[in-house]
Amino acid sequence: MNNYLIVTTTDSTGTYIDYIKLNYVESFSISVNGERINVNMRSGRQHYISKKFSTCEQNNQNVSWEELPRIICNG
């Protein structure tokens, strides 16, 4: 299984693509209103995944917002 999560974020400043290596996720949290996920990496870097502005892909398939916590948790 692919151990990367590809996050594409498009907002008013442009389009950004992040590759999150799931084996190196230290922790993650979901905002109170469920609109954003913060992923903390072992290296100290943080990734922000927004429900409104981001799309996620793993193994060339789109990942639904509801499945993201399970995928991040199971790495």
Protein backbone atom coordinates (compact mmCIF):
# COMPACT_ATOMS: atom_id res chain seq x y z
CA MET A 1 0.00 0.00 0.00
CA ASN A 2 1.14 3.51 -0.75
CA ASN A 3 2.33 5.21 2.41
CA TYR A 4 1.95 8.74 1.03
CA LEU A 5 -1.07 11.00 1.17
CA ILE A 6 -1.09 13.62 -1.57
CA VAL A 7 -2.86 16.80 -0.50
CA THR A 8 -3.66 19.46 -3.10
CA THR A 9 -4.74 22.80 -1.67
CA THR A 10 -6.12 25.55 -3.89
CA ASP A 11 -6.99 28.93 -2.41
CA SER A 12 -6.61 32.61 -3.27
CA THR A 13 -2.81 32.43 -3.04
CA GLY A 14 -2.43 29.54 -5.49
CA THR A 15 -2.21 25.77 -5.61
CA TYR A 16 0.06 23.77 -3.32
CA ILE A 17 0.77 20.05 -3.28
CA ASP A 18 1.98 18.34 -0.10
CA TYR A 19 3.17 14.75 0.14
CA ILE A 20 2.55 13.46 3.64
CA LYS A 21 4.56 10.32 4.45
CA LEU A 22 2.14 8.51 6.74
CA ASN A 23 4.87 6.50 8.51
CA TYR A 24 6.27 9.76 9.92
CA VAL A 25 3.04 11.20 11.34
CA GLU A 26 3.48 11.89 15.04
CA SER A 27 -0.05 13.09 15.82
CA PHE A 28 -3.03 14.81 14.27
CA SER A 29 -6.05 16.76 15.43
CA ILE A 30 -9.39 17.70 13.95
CA SER A 31 -10.79 21.17 14.54
CA VAL A 32 -13.89 21.53 16.69
CA ASN A 33 -16.14 22.28 13.73
CA GLY A 34 -14.56 19.46 11.69
CA GLU A 35 -13.42 21.73 8.86
CA ARG A 36 -9.66 21.29 9.24
CA ILE A 37 -7.15 18.58 10.15
CA ASN A 38 -3.71 19.46 11.54
CA VAL A 39 -1.06 16.79 10.97
CA ASN A 40 2.12 16.95 13.06
CA MET A 41 5.17 15.19 11.65
CA ARG A 42 8.11 13.73 13.60
CA SER A 43 10.37 16.30 11.92
CA GLY A 44 8.39 19.14 13.50
CA ARG A 45 6.63 20.15 10.30
CA GLN A 46 2.86 20.63 10.29
CA HIS A 47 0.42 20.06 7.46
CA TYR A 48 -3.03 21.64 7.39
CA ILE A 49 -5.78 19.92 5.45
CA SER A 50 -8.88 22.02 4.86
CA LYS A 51 -12.24 20.49 4.00
CA LYS A 52 -13.10 23.50 1.84
CA PHE A 53 -9.81 24.05 -0.02
CA SER A 54 -8.04 20.65 -0.08
CA THR A 55 -8.42 17.38 -1.95
CA CYS A 56 -6.60 14.23 -0.90
CA GLU A 57 -5.41 11.27 -2.92
CA GLN A 58 -3.85 7.91 -2.07
CA ASN A 59 -3.03 5.14 -4.55
CA ASN A 60 -4.38 7.30 -7.40
CA GLN A 61 -7.83 7.43 -5.78
CA ASN A 62 -9.52 10.38 -4.15
CA VAL A 63 -10.00 10.05 -0.41
CA SER A 64 -13.23 11.31 1.13
CA TRP A 65 -13.07 13.71 4.05
CA GLU A 66 -14.69 11.14 6.34
CA GLU A 67 -11.97 8.55 5.58
CA LEU A 68 -8.99 10.86 6.22
CA PRO A 69 -8.71 10.32 10.00
CA ARG A 70 -8.70 6.54 9.56
CA ILE A 71 -6.03 6.67 6.85
CA ILE A 72 -3.82 9.06 8.83
CA CYS A 73 -4.22 7.03 12.02
CA ASN A 74 -3.46 3.66 10.41
CA GLY A 75 -0.54 5.06 8.43
